């Protein structure tokens, strides 16, 4: 079901992005000031 599949992916994206957000906060950084490379590295951590 396309709706269900996309809903699952939406939630997966939200959850991983929240991981990035929390990891940045824990290191004293914010989403607004983080570089794309920093966020991508944390994104890969979230996936793993």
ModelCIF file with pLDDT and N, C-alpha, C, O atoms, coordinates in Angstrom:
data_MODEL
#
_entry.id   MODEL 
#
_entity.id                         1 
_entity.type                       polymer 
_entity.pdbx_number_of_molecules   1 
#
_entity_poly.entity_id                      1 
_entity_poly.type                           'polypeptide(L)' 
_entity_poly.nstd_linkage                   no 
_entity_poly.nstd_monomer                   no 
_entity_poly.pdbx_seq_one_letter_code       
;(UNK)(UNK)(UNK)(UNK)(UNK)(UNK)(UNK)(UNK)(UNK)(UNK)(UNK)(UNK)(UNK)(UNK)(UNK)(UNK)
(UNK)(UNK)(UNK)(UNK)(UNK)(UNK)(UNK)(UNK)(UNK)(UNK)(UNK)(UNK)(UNK)(UNK)(UNK)(UNK)
(UNK)(UNK)(UNK)(UNK)(UNK)(UNK)(UNK)(UNK)(UNK)(UNK)(UNK)(UNK)(UNK)(UNK)(UNK)(UNK)
;
_entity_poly.pdbx_seq_one_letter_code_can   XXXXXXXXXXXXXXXXXXXXXXXXXXXXXXXXXXXXXXXXXXXXXXXX 
_entity_poly.pdbx_strand_id                 A 
#
loop_
_entity_poly_seq.entity_id 
_entity_poly_seq.num 
_entity_poly_seq.mon_id 
_entity_poly_seq.hetero 
1 1  UNK n 
1 2  UNK n 
1 3  UNK n 
1 4  UNK n 
1 5  UNK n 
1 6  UNK n 
1 7  UNK n 
1 8  UNK n 
1 9  UNK n 
1 10 UNK n 
1 11 UNK n 
1 12 UNK n 
1 13 UNK n 
1 14 UNK n 
1 15 UNK n 
1 16 UNK n 
1 17 UNK n 
1 18 UNK n 
1 19 UNK n 
1 20 UNK n 
1 21 UNK n 
1 22 UNK n 
1 23 UNK n 
1 24 UNK n 
1 25 UNK n 
1 26 UNK n 
1 27 UNK n 
1 28 UNK n 
1 29 UNK n 
1 30 UNK n 
1 31 UNK n 
1 32 UNK n 
1 33 UNK n 
1 34 UNK n 
1 35 UNK n 
1 36 UNK n 
1 37 UNK n 
1 38 UNK n 
1 39 UNK n 
1 40 UNK n 
1 41 UNK n 
1 42 UNK n 
1 43 UNK n 
1 44 UNK n 
1 45 UNK n 
1 46 UNK n 
1 47 UNK n 
1 48 UNK n 
#
_struct_asym.id          A 
_struct_asym.entity_id   1 
#
loop_
_ma_qa_metric.id 
_ma_qa_metric.mode 
_ma_qa_metric.name 
_ma_qa_metric.software_group_id 
_ma_qa_metric.type 
1 global pLDDT . pLDDT 
2 local  pLDDT . pLDDT 
#
_ma_qa_metric_global.metric_id      1 
_ma_qa_metric_global.metric_value   93.77 
_ma_qa_metric_global.model_id       1 
_ma_qa_metric_global.ordinal_id     1 
#
loop_
_ma_qa_metric_local.label_asym_id 
_ma_qa_metric_local.label_comp_id 
_ma_qa_metric_local.label_seq_id 
_ma_qa_metric_local.metric_id 
_ma_qa_metric_local.metric_value 
_ma_qa_metric_local.model_id 
_ma_qa_metric_local.ordinal_id 
A UNK 1  2 91.00 1 1  
A UNK 2  2 92.00 1 2  
A UNK 3  2 88.00 1 3  
A UNK 4  2 88.00 1 4  
A UNK 5  2 93.00 1 5  
A UNK 6  2 93.00 1 6  
A UNK 7  2 88.00 1 7  
A UNK 8  2 90.00 1 8  
A UNK 9  2 95.00 1 9  
A UNK 10 2 93.00 1 10 
A UNK 11 2 91.00 1 11 
A UNK 12 2 94.00 1 12 
A UNK 13 2 96.00 1 13 
A UNK 14 2 94.00 1 14 
A UNK 15 2 95.00 1 15 
A UNK 16 2 96.00 1 16 
A UNK 17 2 96.00 1 17 
A UNK 18 2 96.00 1 18 
A UNK 19 2 96.00 1 19 
A UNK 20 2 96.00 1 20 
A UNK 21 2 96.00 1 21 
A UNK 22 2 96.00 1 22 
A UNK 23 2 95.00 1 23 
A UNK 24 2 96.00 1 24 
A UNK 25 2 95.00 1 25 
A UNK 26 2 95.00 1 26 
A UNK 27 2 93.00 1 27 
A UNK 28 2 93.00 1 28 
A UNK 29 2 92.00 1 29 
A UNK 30 2 93.00 1 30 
A UNK 31 2 94.00 1 31 
A UNK 32 2 94.00 1 32 
A UNK 33 2 93.00 1 33 
A UNK 34 2 94.00 1 34 
A UNK 35 2 94.00 1 35 
A UNK 36 2 95.00 1 36 
A UNK 37 2 95.00 1 37 
A UNK 38 2 95.00 1 38 
A UNK 39 2 96.00 1 39 
A UNK 40 2 96.00 1 40 
A UNK 41 2 95.00 1 41 
A UNK 42 2 95.00 1 42 
A UNK 43 2 95.00 1 43 
A UNK 44 2 95.00 1 44 
A UNK 45 2 94.00 1 45 
A UNK 46 2 94.00 1 46 
A UNK 47 2 92.00 1 47 
A UNK 48 2 90.00 1 48 
#
loop_
_atom_site.group_PDB 
_atom_site.id 
_atom_site.type_symbol 
_atom_site.label_atom_id 
_atom_site.label_alt_id 
_atom_site.label_comp_id 
_atom_site.label_asym_id 
_atom_site.label_entity_id 
_atom_site.label_seq_id 
_atom_site.pdbx_PDB_ins_code 
_atom_site.Cartn_x 
_atom_site.Cartn_y 
_atom_site.Cartn_z 
_atom_site.occupancy 
_atom_site.B_iso_or_equiv 
_atom_site.pdbx_formal_charge 
_atom_site.auth_seq_id 
_atom_site.auth_comp_id 
_atom_site.auth_asym_id 
_atom_site.auth_atom_id 
_atom_site.pdbx_PDB_model_num 
ATOM 1   N N  . UNK A 1 1  ? 0.841  -1.187 0.000  1.00 91.00 ? 1  UNK A N  1 
ATOM 2   C CA . UNK A 1 1  ? 0.000  0.000  0.000  1.00 91.00 ? 1  UNK A CA 1 
ATOM 3   C C  . UNK A 1 1  ? 0.883  1.247  0.000  1.00 91.00 ? 1  UNK A C  1 
ATOM 4   O O  . UNK A 1 1  ? 1.685  1.442  0.913  1.00 91.00 ? 1  UNK A O  1 
ATOM 5   N N  . UNK A 1 2  ? 0.737  2.083  -1.017 1.00 92.00 ? 2  UNK A N  1 
ATOM 6   C CA . UNK A 1 2  ? 1.617  3.241  -1.169 1.00 92.00 ? 2  UNK A CA 1 
ATOM 7   C C  . UNK A 1 2  ? 1.498  4.216  -0.006 1.00 92.00 ? 2  UNK A C  1 
ATOM 8   O O  . UNK A 1 2  ? 2.505  4.730  0.482  1.00 92.00 ? 2  UNK A O  1 
ATOM 9   N N  . UNK A 1 3  ? 0.271  4.470  0.439  1.00 88.00 ? 3  UNK A N  1 
ATOM 10  C CA . UNK A 1 3  ? 0.069  5.379  1.560  1.00 88.00 ? 3  UNK A CA 1 
ATOM 11  C C  . UNK A 1 3  ? 0.768  4.846  2.810  1.00 88.00 ? 3  UNK A C  1 
ATOM 12  O O  . UNK A 1 3  ? 1.467  5.583  3.506  1.00 88.00 ? 3  UNK A O  1 
ATOM 13  N N  . UNK A 1 4  ? 0.571  3.561  3.083  1.00 88.00 ? 4  UNK A N  1 
ATOM 14  C CA . UNK A 1 4  ? 1.170  2.961  4.272  1.00 88.00 ? 4  UNK A CA 1 
ATOM 15  C C  . UNK A 1 4  ? 2.700  2.946  4.163  1.00 88.00 ? 4  UNK A C  1 
ATOM 16  O O  . UNK A 1 4  ? 3.398  3.216  5.141  1.00 88.00 ? 4  UNK A O  1 
ATOM 17  N N  . UNK A 1 5  ? 3.208  2.634  2.984  1.00 93.00 ? 5  UNK A N  1 
ATOM 18  C CA . UNK A 1 5  ? 4.660  2.587  2.792  1.00 93.00 ? 5  UNK A CA 1 
ATOM 19  C C  . UNK A 1 5  ? 5.280  3.960  2.982  1.00 93.00 ? 5  UNK A C  1 
ATOM 20  O O  . UNK A 1 5  ? 6.314  4.104  3.634  1.00 93.00 ? 5  UNK A O  1 
ATOM 21  N N  . UNK A 1 6  ? 4.632  4.976  2.399  1.00 93.00 ? 6  UNK A N  1 
ATOM 22  C CA . UNK A 1 6  ? 5.167  6.332  2.527  1.00 93.00 ? 6  UNK A CA 1 
ATOM 23  C C  . UNK A 1 6  ? 5.041  6.836  3.962  1.00 93.00 ? 6  UNK A C  1 
ATOM 24  O O  . UNK A 1 6  ? 5.910  7.557  4.453  1.00 93.00 ? 6  UNK A O  1 
ATOM 25  N N  . UNK A 1 7  ? 3.956  6.456  4.629  1.00 88.00 ? 7  UNK A N  1 
ATOM 26  C CA . UNK A 1 7  ? 3.795  6.833  6.030  1.00 88.00 ? 7  UNK A CA 1 
ATOM 27  C C  . UNK A 1 7  ? 4.927  6.250  6.874  1.00 88.00 ? 7  UNK A C  1 
ATOM 28  O O  . UNK A 1 7  ? 5.464  6.916  7.760  1.00 88.00 ? 7  UNK A O  1 
ATOM 29  N N  . UNK A 1 8  ? 5.282  4.997  6.586  1.00 90.00 ? 8  UNK A N  1 
ATOM 30  C CA . UNK A 1 8  ? 6.384  4.371  7.304  1.00 90.00 ? 8  UNK A CA 1 
ATOM 31  C C  . UNK A 1 8  ? 7.700  5.075  7.051  1.00 90.00 ? 8  UNK A C  1 
ATOM 32  O O  . UNK A 1 8  ? 8.495  5.269  7.970  1.00 90.00 ? 8  UNK A O  1 
ATOM 33  N N  . UNK A 1 9  ? 7.929  5.458  5.808  1.00 95.00 ? 9  UNK A N  1 
ATOM 34  C CA . UNK A 1 9  ? 9.158  6.164  5.466  1.00 95.00 ? 9  UNK A CA 1 
ATOM 35  C C  . UNK A 1 9  ? 9.178  7.558  6.101  1.00 95.00 ? 9  UNK A C  1 
ATOM 36  O O  . UNK A 1 9  ? 10.222 8.018  6.562  1.00 95.00 ? 9  UNK A O  1 
ATOM 37  N N  . UNK A 1 10 ? 8.030  8.219  6.121  1.00 93.00 ? 10 UNK A N  1 
ATOM 38  C CA . UNK A 1 10 ? 7.938  9.532  6.776  1.00 93.00 ? 10 UNK A CA 1 
ATOM 39  C C  . UNK A 1 10 ? 8.352  9.435  8.242  1.00 93.00 ? 10 UNK A C  1 
ATOM 40  O O  . UNK A 1 10 ? 9.111  10.267 8.741  1.00 93.00 ? 10 UNK A O  1 
ATOM 41  N N  . UNK A 1 11 ? 7.844  8.407  8.927  1.00 91.00 ? 11 UNK A N  1 
ATOM 42  C CA . UNK A 1 11 ? 8.152  8.237  10.345 1.00 91.00 ? 11 UNK A CA 1 
ATOM 43  C C  . UNK A 1 11 ? 9.624  7.878  10.527 1.00 91.00 ? 11 UNK A C  1 
ATOM 44  O O  . UNK A 1 11 ? 10.262 8.326  11.480 1.00 91.00 ? 11 UNK A O  1 
ATOM 45  N N  . UNK A 1 12 ? 10.159 7.076  9.620  1.00 94.00 ? 12 UNK A N  1 
ATOM 46  C CA . UNK A 1 12 ? 11.581 6.716  9.692  1.00 94.00 ? 12 UNK A CA 1 
ATOM 47  C C  . UNK A 1 12 ? 12.448 7.965  9.528  1.00 94.00 ? 12 UNK A C  1 
ATOM 48  O O  . UNK A 1 12 ? 13.436 8.146  10.240 1.00 94.00 ? 12 UNK A O  1 
ATOM 49  N N  . UNK A 1 13 ? 12.064 8.817  8.584  1.00 96.00 ? 13 UNK A N  1 
ATOM 50  C CA . UNK A 1 13 ? 12.813 10.061 8.367  1.00 96.00 ? 13 UNK A CA 1 
ATOM 51  C C  . UNK A 1 13 ? 12.739 10.949 9.610  1.00 96.00 ? 13 UNK A C  1 
ATOM 52  O O  . UNK A 1 13 ? 13.746 11.510 10.044 1.00 96.00 ? 13 UNK A O  1 
ATOM 53  N N  . UNK A 1 14 ? 11.532 11.069 10.180 1.00 94.00 ? 14 UNK A N  1 
ATOM 54  C CA . UNK A 1 14 ? 11.357 11.902 11.374 1.00 94.00 ? 14 UNK A CA 1 
ATOM 55  C C  . UNK A 1 14 ? 12.224 11.390 12.525 1.00 94.00 ? 14 UNK A C  1 
ATOM 56  O O  . UNK A 1 14 ? 12.888 12.163 13.215 1.00 94.00 ? 14 UNK A O  1 
ATOM 57  N N  . UNK A 1 15 ? 12.200 10.067 12.714 1.00 95.00 ? 15 UNK A N  1 
ATOM 58  C CA . UNK A 1 15 ? 12.939 9.474  13.817 1.00 95.00 ? 15 UNK A CA 1 
ATOM 59  C C  . UNK A 1 15 ? 14.447 9.678  13.657 1.00 95.00 ? 15 UNK A C  1 
ATOM 60  O O  . UNK A 1 15 ? 15.136 10.007 14.623 1.00 95.00 ? 15 UNK A O  1 
ATOM 61  N N  . UNK A 1 16 ? 14.954 9.485  12.452 1.00 96.00 ? 16 UNK A N  1 
ATOM 62  C CA . UNK A 1 16 ? 16.390 9.647  12.212 1.00 96.00 ? 16 UNK A CA 1 
ATOM 63  C C  . UNK A 1 16 ? 16.813 11.112 12.336 1.00 96.00 ? 16 UNK A C  1 
ATOM 64  O O  . UNK A 1 16 ? 17.889 11.414 12.852 1.00 96.00 ? 16 UNK A O  1 
ATOM 65  N N  . UNK A 1 17 ? 15.963 12.009 11.863 1.00 96.00 ? 17 UNK A N  1 
ATOM 66  C CA . UNK A 1 17 ? 16.286 13.423 11.965 1.00 96.00 ? 17 UNK A CA 1 
ATOM 67  C C  . UNK A 1 17 ? 16.293 13.870 13.429 1.00 96.00 ? 17 UNK A C  1 
ATOM 68  O O  . UNK A 1 17 ? 17.092 14.715 13.833 1.00 96.00 ? 17 UNK A O  1 
ATOM 69  N N  . UNK A 1 18 ? 15.385 13.282 14.212 1.00 96.00 ? 18 UNK A N  1 
ATOM 70  C CA . UNK A 1 18 ? 15.353 13.585 15.646 1.00 96.00 ? 18 UNK A CA 1 
ATOM 71  C C  . UNK A 1 18 ? 16.630 13.092 16.321 1.00 96.00 ? 18 UNK A C  1 
ATOM 72  O O  . UNK A 1 18 ? 17.139 13.734 17.240 1.00 96.00 ? 18 UNK A O  1 
ATOM 73  N N  . UNK A 1 19 ? 17.138 11.962 15.868 1.00 96.00 ? 19 UNK A N  1 
ATOM 74  C CA . UNK A 1 19 ? 18.414 11.443 16.383 1.00 96.00 ? 19 UNK A CA 1 
ATOM 75  C C  . UNK A 1 19 ? 19.512 12.461 16.119 1.00 96.00 ? 19 UNK A C  1 
ATOM 76  O O  . UNK A 1 19 ? 20.318 12.757 17.001 1.00 96.00 ? 19 UNK A O  1 
ATOM 77  N N  . UNK A 1 20 ? 19.543 13.000 14.896 1.00 96.00 ? 20 UNK A N  1 
ATOM 78  C CA . UNK A 1 20 ? 20.541 14.006 14.540 1.00 96.00 ? 20 UNK A CA 1 
ATOM 79  C C  . UNK A 1 20 ? 20.409 15.226 15.445 1.00 96.00 ? 20 UNK A C  1 
ATOM 80  O O  . UNK A 1 20 ? 21.402 15.753 15.946 1.00 96.00 ? 20 UNK A O  1 
ATOM 81  N N  . UNK A 1 21 ? 19.181 15.661 15.645 1.00 96.00 ? 21 UNK A N  1 
ATOM 82  C CA . UNK A 1 21 ? 18.908 16.827 16.482 1.00 96.00 ? 21 UNK A CA 1 
ATOM 83  C C  . UNK A 1 21 ? 19.393 16.603 17.913 1.00 96.00 ? 21 UNK A C  1 
ATOM 84  O O  . UNK A 1 21 ? 20.052 17.463 18.497 1.00 96.00 ? 21 UNK A O  1 
ATOM 85  N N  . UNK A 1 22 ? 19.056 15.434 18.473 1.00 96.00 ? 22 UNK A N  1 
ATOM 86  C CA . UNK A 1 22 ? 19.457 15.140 19.854 1.00 96.00 ? 22 UNK A CA 1 
ATOM 87  C C  . UNK A 1 22 ? 20.980 15.027 19.985 1.00 96.00 ? 22 UNK A C  1 
ATOM 88  O O  . UNK A 1 22 ? 21.563 15.492 20.965 1.00 96.00 ? 22 UNK A O  1 
ATOM 89  N N  . UNK A 1 23 ? 21.610 14.411 18.993 1.00 95.00 ? 23 UNK A N  1 
ATOM 90  C CA . UNK A 1 23 ? 23.070 14.251 19.036 1.00 95.00 ? 23 UNK A CA 1 
ATOM 91  C C  . UNK A 1 23 ? 23.757 15.609 18.982 1.00 95.00 ? 23 UNK A C  1 
ATOM 92  O O  . UNK A 1 23 ? 24.750 15.831 19.674 1.00 95.00 ? 23 UNK A O  1 
ATOM 93  N N  . UNK A 1 24 ? 23.237 16.510 18.173 1.00 96.00 ? 24 UNK A N  1 
ATOM 94  C CA . UNK A 1 24 ? 23.812 17.851 18.097 1.00 96.00 ? 24 UNK A CA 1 
ATOM 95  C C  . UNK A 1 24 ? 23.625 18.598 19.415 1.00 96.00 ? 24 UNK A C  1 
ATOM 96  O O  . UNK A 1 24 ? 24.544 19.265 19.890 1.00 96.00 ? 24 UNK A O  1 
ATOM 97  N N  . UNK A 1 25 ? 22.441 18.485 19.999 1.00 95.00 ? 25 UNK A N  1 
ATOM 98  C CA . UNK A 1 25 ? 22.195 19.144 21.278 1.00 95.00 ? 25 UNK A CA 1 
ATOM 99  C C  . UNK A 1 25 ? 23.119 18.613 22.367 1.00 95.00 ? 25 UNK A C  1 
ATOM 100 O O  . UNK A 1 25 ? 23.599 19.373 23.208 1.00 95.00 ? 25 UNK A O  1 
ATOM 101 N N  . UNK A 1 26 ? 23.365 17.305 22.348 1.00 95.00 ? 26 UNK A N  1 
ATOM 102 C CA . UNK A 1 26 ? 24.227 16.693 23.365 1.00 95.00 ? 26 UNK A CA 1 
ATOM 103 C C  . UNK A 1 26 ? 25.665 17.204 23.272 1.00 95.00 ? 26 UNK A C  1 
ATOM 104 O O  . UNK A 1 26 ? 26.388 17.230 24.268 1.00 95.00 ? 26 UNK A O  1 
ATOM 105 N N  . UNK A 1 27 ? 26.074 17.608 22.068 1.00 93.00 ? 27 UNK A N  1 
ATOM 106 C CA . UNK A 1 27 ? 27.431 18.121 21.875 1.00 93.00 ? 27 UNK A CA 1 
ATOM 107 C C  . UNK A 1 27 ? 27.487 19.645 21.890 1.00 93.00 ? 27 UNK A C  1 
ATOM 108 O O  . UNK A 1 27 ? 28.513 20.248 21.573 1.00 93.00 ? 27 UNK A O  1 
ATOM 109 N N  . UNK A 1 28 ? 26.354 20.258 22.269 1.00 93.00 ? 28 UNK A N  1 
ATOM 110 C CA . UNK A 1 28 ? 26.327 21.709 22.387 1.00 93.00 ? 28 UNK A CA 1 
ATOM 111 C C  . UNK A 1 28 ? 26.116 22.438 21.081 1.00 93.00 ? 28 UNK A C  1 
ATOM 112 O O  . UNK A 1 28 ? 26.385 23.637 20.997 1.00 93.00 ? 28 UNK A O  1 
ATOM 113 N N  . UNK A 1 29 ? 25.641 21.751 20.064 1.00 92.00 ? 29 UNK A N  1 
ATOM 114 C CA . UNK A 1 29 ? 25.396 22.365 18.763 1.00 92.00 ? 29 UNK A CA 1 
ATOM 115 C C  . UNK A 1 29 ? 23.885 22.437 18.492 1.00 92.00 ? 29 UNK A C  1 
ATOM 116 O O  . UNK A 1 29 ? 23.075 21.873 19.228 1.00 92.00 ? 29 UNK A O  1 
ATOM 117 N N  . UNK A 1 30 ? 23.540 23.138 17.431 1.00 93.00 ? 30 UNK A N  1 
ATOM 118 C CA . UNK A 1 30 ? 22.138 23.234 17.007 1.00 93.00 ? 30 UNK A CA 1 
ATOM 119 C C  . UNK A 1 30 ? 22.020 22.858 15.542 1.00 93.00 ? 30 UNK A C  1 
ATOM 120 O O  . UNK A 1 30 ? 23.007 22.853 14.806 1.00 93.00 ? 30 UNK A O  1 
ATOM 121 N N  . UNK A 1 31 ? 20.797 22.543 15.126 1.00 94.00 ? 31 UNK A N  1 
ATOM 122 C CA . UNK A 1 31 ? 20.555 22.223 13.723 1.00 94.00 ? 31 UNK A CA 1 
ATOM 123 C C  . UNK A 1 31 ? 20.933 23.392 12.813 1.00 94.00 ? 31 UNK A C  1 
ATOM 124 O O  . UNK A 1 31 ? 21.487 23.202 11.730 1.00 94.00 ? 31 UNK A O  1 
ATOM 125 N N  . UNK A 1 32 ? 20.623 24.600 13.275 1.00 94.00 ? 32 UNK A N  1 
ATOM 126 C CA . UNK A 1 32 ? 20.853 25.781 12.446 1.00 94.00 ? 32 UNK A CA 1 
ATOM 127 C C  . UNK A 1 32 ? 22.336 26.035 12.173 1.00 94.00 ? 32 UNK A C  1 
ATOM 128 O O  . UNK A 1 32 ? 22.698 26.537 11.110 1.00 94.00 ? 32 UNK A O  1 
ATOM 129 N N  . UNK A 1 33 ? 23.210 25.678 13.158 1.00 93.00 ? 33 UNK A N  1 
ATOM 130 C CA . UNK A 1 33 ? 24.637 25.971 13.020 1.00 93.00 ? 33 UNK A CA 1 
ATOM 131 C C  . UNK A 1 33 ? 25.455 24.778 12.535 1.00 93.00 ? 33 UNK A C  1 
ATOM 132 O O  . UNK A 1 33 ? 26.631 24.925 12.205 1.00 93.00 ? 33 UNK A O  1 
ATOM 133 N N  . UNK A 1 34 ? 24.844 23.605 12.489 1.00 94.00 ? 34 UNK A N  1 
ATOM 134 C CA . UNK A 1 34 ? 25.577 22.408 12.049 1.00 94.00 ? 34 UNK A CA 1 
ATOM 135 C C  . UNK A 1 34 ? 25.792 22.444 10.546 1.00 94.00 ? 34 UNK A C  1 
ATOM 136 O O  . UNK A 1 34 ? 24.959 22.967 9.805  1.00 94.00 ? 34 UNK A O  1 
ATOM 137 N N  . UNK A 1 35 ? 26.912 21.886 10.097 1.00 94.00 ? 35 UNK A N  1 
ATOM 138 C CA . UNK A 1 35 ? 27.165 21.790 8.660  1.00 94.00 ? 35 UNK A CA 1 
ATOM 139 C C  . UNK A 1 35 ? 26.460 20.557 8.098  1.00 94.00 ? 35 UNK A C  1 
ATOM 140 O O  . UNK A 1 35 ? 26.075 19.654 8.841  1.00 94.00 ? 35 UNK A O  1 
ATOM 141 N N  . UNK A 1 36 ? 26.299 20.535 6.796  1.00 95.00 ? 36 UNK A N  1 
ATOM 142 C CA . UNK A 1 36 ? 25.668 19.386 6.151  1.00 95.00 ? 36 UNK A CA 1 
ATOM 143 C C  . UNK A 1 36 ? 26.479 18.117 6.390  1.00 95.00 ? 36 UNK A C  1 
ATOM 144 O O  . UNK A 1 36 ? 25.909 17.045 6.594  1.00 95.00 ? 36 UNK A O  1 
ATOM 145 N N  . UNK A 1 37 ? 27.804 18.234 6.366  1.00 95.00 ? 37 UNK A N  1 
ATOM 146 C CA . UNK A 1 37 ? 28.652 17.063 6.605  1.00 95.00 ? 37 UNK A CA 1 
ATOM 147 C C  . UNK A 1 37 ? 28.441 16.506 8.010  1.00 95.00 ? 37 UNK A C  1 
ATOM 148 O O  . UNK A 1 37 ? 28.385 15.292 8.204  1.00 95.00 ? 37 UNK A O  1 
ATOM 149 N N  . UNK A 1 38 ? 28.323 17.411 8.993  1.00 95.00 ? 38 UNK A N  1 
ATOM 150 C CA . UNK A 1 38 ? 28.089 16.973 10.370 1.00 95.00 ? 38 UNK A CA 1 
ATOM 151 C C  . UNK A 1 38 ? 26.754 16.246 10.494 1.00 95.00 ? 38 UNK A C  1 
ATOM 152 O O  . UNK A 1 38 ? 26.660 15.190 11.120 1.00 95.00 ? 38 UNK A O  1 
ATOM 153 N N  . UNK A 1 39 ? 25.718 16.837 9.880  1.00 96.00 ? 39 UNK A N  1 
ATOM 154 C CA . UNK A 1 39 ? 24.396 16.213 9.938  1.00 96.00 ? 39 UNK A CA 1 
ATOM 155 C C  . UNK A 1 39 ? 24.381 14.877 9.195  1.00 96.00 ? 39 UNK A C  1 
ATOM 156 O O  . UNK A 1 39 ? 23.721 13.935 9.634  1.00 96.00 ? 39 UNK A O  1 
ATOM 157 N N  . UNK A 1 40 ? 25.099 14.786 8.079  1.00 96.00 ? 40 UNK A N  1 
ATOM 158 C CA . UNK A 1 40 ? 25.140 13.537 7.310  1.00 96.00 ? 40 UNK A CA 1 
ATOM 159 C C  . UNK A 1 40 ? 25.824 12.433 8.107  1.00 96.00 ? 40 UNK A C  1 
ATOM 160 O O  . UNK A 1 40 ? 25.387 11.282 8.077  1.00 96.00 ? 40 UNK A O  1 
ATOM 161 N N  . UNK A 1 41 ? 26.903 12.780 8.827  1.00 95.00 ? 41 UNK A N  1 
ATOM 162 C CA . UNK A 1 41 ? 27.606 11.783 9.636  1.00 95.00 ? 41 UNK A CA 1 
ATOM 163 C C  . UNK A 1 41 ? 26.692 11.243 10.733 1.00 95.00 ? 41 UNK A C  1 
ATOM 164 O O  . UNK A 1 41 ? 26.671 10.041 10.998 1.00 95.00 ? 41 UNK A O  1 
ATOM 165 N N  . UNK A 1 42 ? 25.939 12.137 11.367 1.00 95.00 ? 42 UNK A N  1 
ATOM 166 C CA . UNK A 1 42 ? 25.002 11.720 12.408 1.00 95.00 ? 42 UNK A CA 1 
ATOM 167 C C  . UNK A 1 42 ? 23.837 10.931 11.812 1.00 95.00 ? 42 UNK A C  1 
ATOM 168 O O  . UNK A 1 42 ? 23.307 10.014 12.439 1.00 95.00 ? 42 UNK A O  1 
ATOM 169 N N  . UNK A 1 43 ? 23.448 11.301 10.594 1.00 95.00 ? 43 UNK A N  1 
ATOM 170 C CA . UNK A 1 43 ? 22.375 10.567 9.901  1.00 95.00 ? 43 UNK A CA 1 
ATOM 171 C C  . UNK A 1 43 ? 22.786 9.111  9.682  1.00 95.00 ? 43 UNK A C  1 
ATOM 172 O O  . UNK A 1 43 ? 21.983 8.197  9.872  1.00 95.00 ? 43 UNK A O  1 
ATOM 173 N N  . UNK A 1 44 ? 24.026 8.906  9.285  1.00 95.00 ? 44 UNK A N  1 
ATOM 174 C CA . UNK A 1 44 ? 24.504 7.541  9.076  1.00 95.00 ? 44 UNK A CA 1 
ATOM 175 C C  . UNK A 1 44 ? 24.539 6.781  10.391 1.00 95.00 ? 44 UNK A C  1 
ATOM 176 O O  . UNK A 1 44 ? 24.283 5.577  10.415 1.00 95.00 ? 44 UNK A O  1 
ATOM 177 N N  . UNK A 1 45 ? 24.855 7.469  11.492 1.00 94.00 ? 45 UNK A N  1 
ATOM 178 C CA . UNK A 1 45 ? 24.805 6.840  12.810 1.00 94.00 ? 45 UNK A CA 1 
ATOM 179 C C  . UNK A 1 45 ? 23.378 6.407  13.138 1.00 94.00 ? 45 UNK A C  1 
ATOM 180 O O  . UNK A 1 45 ? 23.142 5.315  13.656 1.00 94.00 ? 45 UNK A O  1 
ATOM 181 N N  . UNK A 1 46 ? 22.445 7.284  12.823 1.00 94.00 ? 46 UNK A N  1 
ATOM 182 C CA . UNK A 1 46 ? 21.027 6.981  13.090 1.00 94.00 ? 46 UNK A CA 1 
ATOM 183 C C  . UNK A 1 46 ? 20.588 5.753  12.303 1.00 94.00 ? 46 UNK A C  1 
ATOM 184 O O  . UNK A 1 46 ? 19.851 4.916  12.823 1.00 94.00 ? 46 UNK A O  1 
ATOM 185 N N  . UNK A 1 47 ? 21.034 5.639  11.059 1.00 92.00 ? 47 UNK A N  1 
ATOM 186 C CA . UNK A 1 47 ? 20.672 4.481  10.227 1.00 92.00 ? 47 UNK A CA 1 
ATOM 187 C C  . UNK A 1 47 ? 21.250 3.195  10.822 1.00 92.00 ? 47 UNK A C  1 
ATOM 188 O O  . UNK A 1 47 ? 20.593 2.154  10.826 1.00 92.00 ? 47 UNK A O  1 
ATOM 189 N N  . UNK A 1 48 ? 22.475 3.277  11.320 1.00 90.00 ? 48 UNK A N  1 
ATOM 190 C CA . UNK A 1 48 ? 23.124 2.090  11.872 1.00 90.00 ? 48 UNK A CA 1 
ATOM 191 C C  . UNK A 1 48 ? 22.637 1.728  13.266 1.00 90.00 ? 48 UNK A C  1 
ATOM 192 O O  . UNK A 1 48 ? 23.102 0.748  13.848 1.00 90.00 ? 48 UNK A O  1 
#
